[in-house]
Amino acid sequence: MDTTNFTGTNVETRTVKKVNVRSMTVTAMLSAIAFVLMFLDTAVPIMPSFIKLDVSELPALMASFALGPVYGVIVCLIKNLLHLLMTTTGGVGELSNFILGVGFVLPAGLIYHHKKTKKNAILGAVVGAFIMAAISFPSNLYIVYPVYYNFMPKEVIVEAYQAVAPFAKIDSIEKCLLMFNVPFTFVKGMISAIITVLIYQPLRPLLKGNN
């Protein structure tokens, strides 16, 4: 009996299990952080009061870089599943947040893992922010805002945008989204991207388990 191959197989199996356990642990940790960050939102003076800024995609982007794009998607999913327990939108807000998060971290992770360089990390994050911003238009128009209309008439929402930008000719939800939400979403993504690029390398050994 060739015990060398048998032993080698056992070592490889134990290594794979160790990596999987670590990846799941890090994913759970990042998901918990992302969930907490969803509550640490803040109002933005140039936006209507019902639109808040948070950086809950940051942990998902770090997972996408450190572990792979699939793990970034999993972090987006877990944080929104947890938030469903206290939703005020019947799950619609969480669905939109998940869609936007995936649009951000998936392309960013794919680009970075194609060639793991700082340049690709920055490129991936910028591309992801652009895609998330683009997706935010149909997501808000067809998923989120129709739910808002049950509590706030469309005309009132438009007036809220007009109040923060009286100089602009805003007379429809579509214009509101294009002039405010899309750029806001891009800036939001870039904030997460910049922070990730700055702190990823120092945290990389902890996330990946490398010495």
Protein backbone atom coordinates (compact mmCIF):
# COMPACT_ATOMS: atom_id res chain seq x y z
CA MET A 1 0.00 0.00 0.00
CA ASP A 2 1.37 3.44 -0.96
CA THR A 3 1.00 5.43 2.27
CA THR A 4 2.66 8.51 0.78
CA ASN A 5 -0.29 9.36 -1.47
CA PHE A 6 -2.74 8.50 1.28
CA THR A 7 -1.00 10.79 3.75
CA GLY A 8 -0.65 13.53 1.16
CA THR A 9 -4.36 13.35 0.41
CA ASN A 10 -5.17 13.69 4.10
CA VAL A 11 -2.94 16.72 4.43
CA GLU A 12 -4.56 18.36 1.39
CA THR A 13 -8.03 17.59 2.76
CA ARG A 14 -7.18 19.11 6.13
CA THR A 15 -5.74 22.19 4.42
CA VAL A 16 -8.88 22.66 2.30
CA LYS A 17 -11.10 22.26 5.37
CA LYS A 18 -8.97 24.78 7.29
CA VAL A 19 -9.21 27.29 4.45
CA ASN A 20 -12.98 26.78 4.13
CA VAL A 21 -13.52 27.23 7.88
CA ARG A 22 -11.42 30.39 7.89
CA SER A 23 -13.23 31.78 4.82
CA MET A 24 -16.61 31.13 6.44
CA THR A 25 -15.46 32.70 9.70
CA VAL A 26 -14.13 35.83 7.98
CA THR A 27 -17.30 36.03 5.86
CA ALA A 28 -19.48 35.85 8.98
CA MET A 29 -17.37 38.52 10.69
CA LEU A 30 -17.52 40.88 7.70
CA SER A 31 -21.28 40.27 7.33
CA ALA A 32 -21.81 41.25 10.97
CA ILE A 33 -19.76 44.43 10.48
CA ALA A 34 -21.71 45.26 7.31
CA PHE A 35 -25.00 44.74 9.17
CA VAL A 36 -23.92 47.15 11.92
CA LEU A 37 -22.74 49.72 9.37
CA MET A 38 -26.22 49.76 7.84
CA PHE A 39 -27.40 51.50 11.02
CA LEU A 40 -24.54 54.00 11.10
CA ASP A 41 -26.01 56.09 8.32
CA THR A 42 -26.04 59.84 8.11
CA ALA A 43 -28.07 62.48 6.32
CA VAL A 44 -26.47 64.44 3.49
CA PRO A 45 -27.28 68.19 3.27
CA ILE A 46 -27.61 68.18 -0.52
CA MET A 47 -30.05 65.25 -0.52
CA PRO A 48 -33.64 64.87 0.75
CA SER A 49 -33.79 63.79 4.40
CA PHE A 50 -35.03 60.27 3.58
CA ILE A 51 -31.80 59.46 1.71
CA LYS A 52 -28.93 58.41 3.97
CA LEU A 53 -25.24 57.72 3.45
CA ASP A 54 -23.69 54.53 4.80
CA VAL A 55 -20.64 52.44 3.96
CA SER A 56 -22.09 48.98 4.54
CA GLU A 57 -20.72 47.79 1.17
CA LEU A 58 -17.17 48.27 2.47
CA PRO A 59 -16.92 44.87 4.25
CA ALA A 60 -18.43 43.15 1.20
CA LEU A 61 -15.82 44.76 -1.06
CA MET A 62 -13.06 43.60 1.29
CA ALA A 63 -14.46 40.07 1.22
CA SER A 64 -14.57 40.21 -2.58
CA PHE A 65 -10.90 41.21 -2.71
CA ALA A 66 -9.60 38.91 0.03
CA LEU A 67 -11.66 35.76 -0.53
CA GLY A 68 -13.21 36.12 -3.98
CA PRO A 69 -16.22 37.83 -5.57
CA VAL A 70 -18.64 35.10 -4.46
CA TYR A 71 -17.84 35.85 -0.82
CA GLY A 72 -18.51 39.53 -1.41
CA VAL A 73 -21.95 38.61 -2.75
CA ILE A 74 -22.54 36.38 0.30
CA VAL A 75 -21.74 39.28 2.65
CA CYS A 76 -24.27 41.45 0.77
CA LEU A 77 -26.85 38.68 1.10
CA ILE A 78 -26.30 37.97 4.81
CA LYS A 79 -26.38 41.62 5.91
CA ASN A 80 -29.70 42.14 4.11
CA LEU A 81 -31.20 38.91 5.41
CA LEU A 82 -30.35 40.08 8.93
CA HIS A 83 -31.83 43.50 8.21
CA LEU A 84 -35.06 41.84 7.07
CA LEU A 85 -35.76 41.10 10.73
CA MET A 86 -36.40 44.81 11.28
CA THR A 87 -37.38 46.01 7.82
CA THR A 88 -39.69 48.96 7.35
CA THR A 89 -40.07 48.45 3.58
CA GLY A 90 -41.45 44.92 3.46
CA GLY A 91 -38.12 43.65 2.17
CA VAL A 92 -38.07 45.95 -0.87
CA GLY A 93 -35.30 48.14 0.52
CA GLU A 94 -33.21 45.10 1.37
CA LEU A 95 -33.73 43.65 -2.12
CA SER A 96 -32.59 46.89 -3.70
CA ASN A 97 -29.60 47.13 -1.36
CA PHE A 98 -28.60 43.58 -2.26
CA ILE A 99 -28.89 44.23 -6.00
CA LEU A 100 -26.81 47.40 -5.76
CA GLY A 101 -24.24 45.72 -3.52
CA VAL A 102 -23.79 42.83 -5.95
CA GLY A 103 -23.45 45.31 -8.81
CA PHE A 104 -20.61 46.90 -6.86
CA VAL A 105 -18.58 44.05 -5.35
CA LEU A 106 -18.97 41.38 -8.04
CA PRO A 107 -17.30 43.24 -10.94
CA ALA A 108 -14.74 44.76 -8.56
CA GLY A 109 -13.77 41.31 -7.30
CA LEU A 110 -13.68 39.77 -10.76
CA ILE A 111 -11.37 42.48 -12.08
CA TYR A 112 -9.07 42.28 -9.05
CA HIS A 113 -8.80 38.49 -9.10
CA HIS A 114 -8.00 38.52 -12.82
CA LYS A 115 -4.67 40.08 -11.79
CA LYS A 116 -4.13 40.91 -8.14
CA THR A 117 -2.49 44.32 -8.28
CA LYS A 118 -3.29 47.60 -6.57
CA LYS A 119 -4.04 49.10 -9.97
CA ASN A 120 -6.63 46.42 -10.66
CA ALA A 121 -8.11 46.85 -7.19
CA ILE A 122 -8.63 50.55 -7.88
CA LEU A 123 -9.93 49.88 -11.41
CA GLY A 124 -12.31 47.20 -10.14
CA ALA A 125 -13.65 49.45 -7.39
CA VAL A 126 -14.25 52.34 -9.81
CA VAL A 127 -15.96 50.07 -12.35
CA GLY A 128 -18.07 48.58 -9.56
CA ALA A 129 -19.09 52.04 -8.36
CA PHE A 130 -20.12 53.01 -11.91
CA ILE A 131 -22.19 49.84 -12.32
CA MET A 132 -23.84 50.27 -8.91
CA ALA A 133 -24.73 53.86 -9.79
CA ALA A 134 -26.19 52.78 -13.15
CA ILE A 135 -28.26 50.02 -11.53
CA SER A 136 -29.55 52.44 -8.90
CA PHE A 137 -31.74 54.22 -11.48
CA PRO A 138 -34.00 51.28 -12.47
CA SER A 139 -33.78 49.84 -8.95
CA ASN A 140 -35.13 53.00 -7.35
CA LEU A 141 -37.58 53.75 -10.15
CA TYR A 142 -39.23 50.33 -10.31
CA ILE A 143 -38.54 48.72 -6.91
CA VAL A 144 -37.95 51.21 -4.08
CA TYR A 145 -39.93 54.34 -4.90
CA PRO A 146 -43.20 52.56 -5.77
CA VAL A 147 -43.15 51.38 -2.13
CA TYR A 148 -42.49 54.95 -0.93
CA TYR A 149 -45.57 56.09 -2.83
CA ASN A 150 -47.70 54.14 -0.34
CA PHE A 151 -46.55 56.50 2.40
CA MET A 152 -45.63 59.63 0.49
CA PRO A 153 -47.24 60.78 -2.76
CA LYS A 154 -44.96 61.08 -5.77
CA GLU A 155 -45.53 64.84 -5.92
CA VAL A 156 -44.34 65.23 -2.32
CA ILE A 157 -41.16 63.28 -3.07
CA VAL A 158 -40.45 65.49 -6.09
CA GLU A 159 -41.03 68.57 -3.91
CA ALA A 160 -38.48 67.24 -1.41
CA TYR A 161 -35.87 67.16 -4.17
CA GLN A 162 -36.92 70.61 -5.36
CA ALA A 163 -36.45 71.95 -1.85
CA VAL A 164 -32.73 71.03 -1.78
CA ALA A 165 -32.16 72.28 -5.33
CA PRO A 166 -34.60 75.11 -6.08
CA PHE A 167 -32.35 76.29 -8.91
CA ALA A 168 -32.79 73.04 -10.87
CA LYS A 169 -35.77 72.21 -13.06
CA ILE A 170 -36.97 69.01 -11.44
CA ASP A 171 -40.46 67.90 -12.40
CA SER A 172 -40.33 64.11 -12.41
CA ILE A 173 -39.01 61.18 -10.38
CA GLU A 174 -36.80 60.20 -13.31
CA LYS A 175 -35.03 63.55 -13.20
CA CYS A 176 -34.71 63.32 -9.41
CA LEU A 177 -32.98 59.98 -9.69
CA LEU A 178 -30.68 61.02 -12.54
CA MET A 179 -29.65 64.30 -10.95
CA PHE A 180 -29.33 63.13 -7.35
CA ASN A 181 -29.52 59.40 -6.65
CA VAL A 182 -27.26 58.16 -9.44
CA PRO A 183 -24.36 60.55 -8.65
CA PHE A 184 -24.94 60.01 -4.91
CA THR A 185 -24.71 56.24 -5.33
CA PHE A 186 -21.48 56.57 -7.30
CA VAL A 187 -19.94 58.79 -4.61
CA LYS A 188 -21.11 56.35 -1.96
CA GLY A 189 -19.39 53.51 -3.80
CA MET A 190 -16.21 55.53 -4.23
CA ILE A 191 -16.08 56.31 -0.50
CA SER A 192 -16.17 52.58 0.25
CA ALA A 193 -13.62 51.97 -2.51
CA ILE A 194 -11.16 54.58 -1.20
CA ILE A 195 -11.39 53.31 2.37
CA THR A 196 -10.93 49.72 1.19
CA VAL A 197 -7.86 50.55 -0.90
CA LEU A 198 -6.33 52.38 2.08
CA ILE A 199 -6.91 49.66 4.69
CA TYR A 200 -6.96 46.43 2.65
CA GLN A 201 -3.20 45.77 2.57
CA PRO A 202 -2.70 46.16 6.35
CA LEU A 203 -5.72 43.90 7.00
CA ARG A 204 -4.96 41.41 4.21
CA PRO A 205 -2.96 38.96 6.42
CA LEU A 206 -5.80 38.89 8.94
CA LEU A 207 -8.47 38.34 6.28
CA LYS A 208 -6.55 35.73 4.29
CA GLY A 209 -4.66 34.11 7.15
CA ASN A 210 -1.26 34.77 5.58
CA ASN A 211 1.86 35.38 7.59
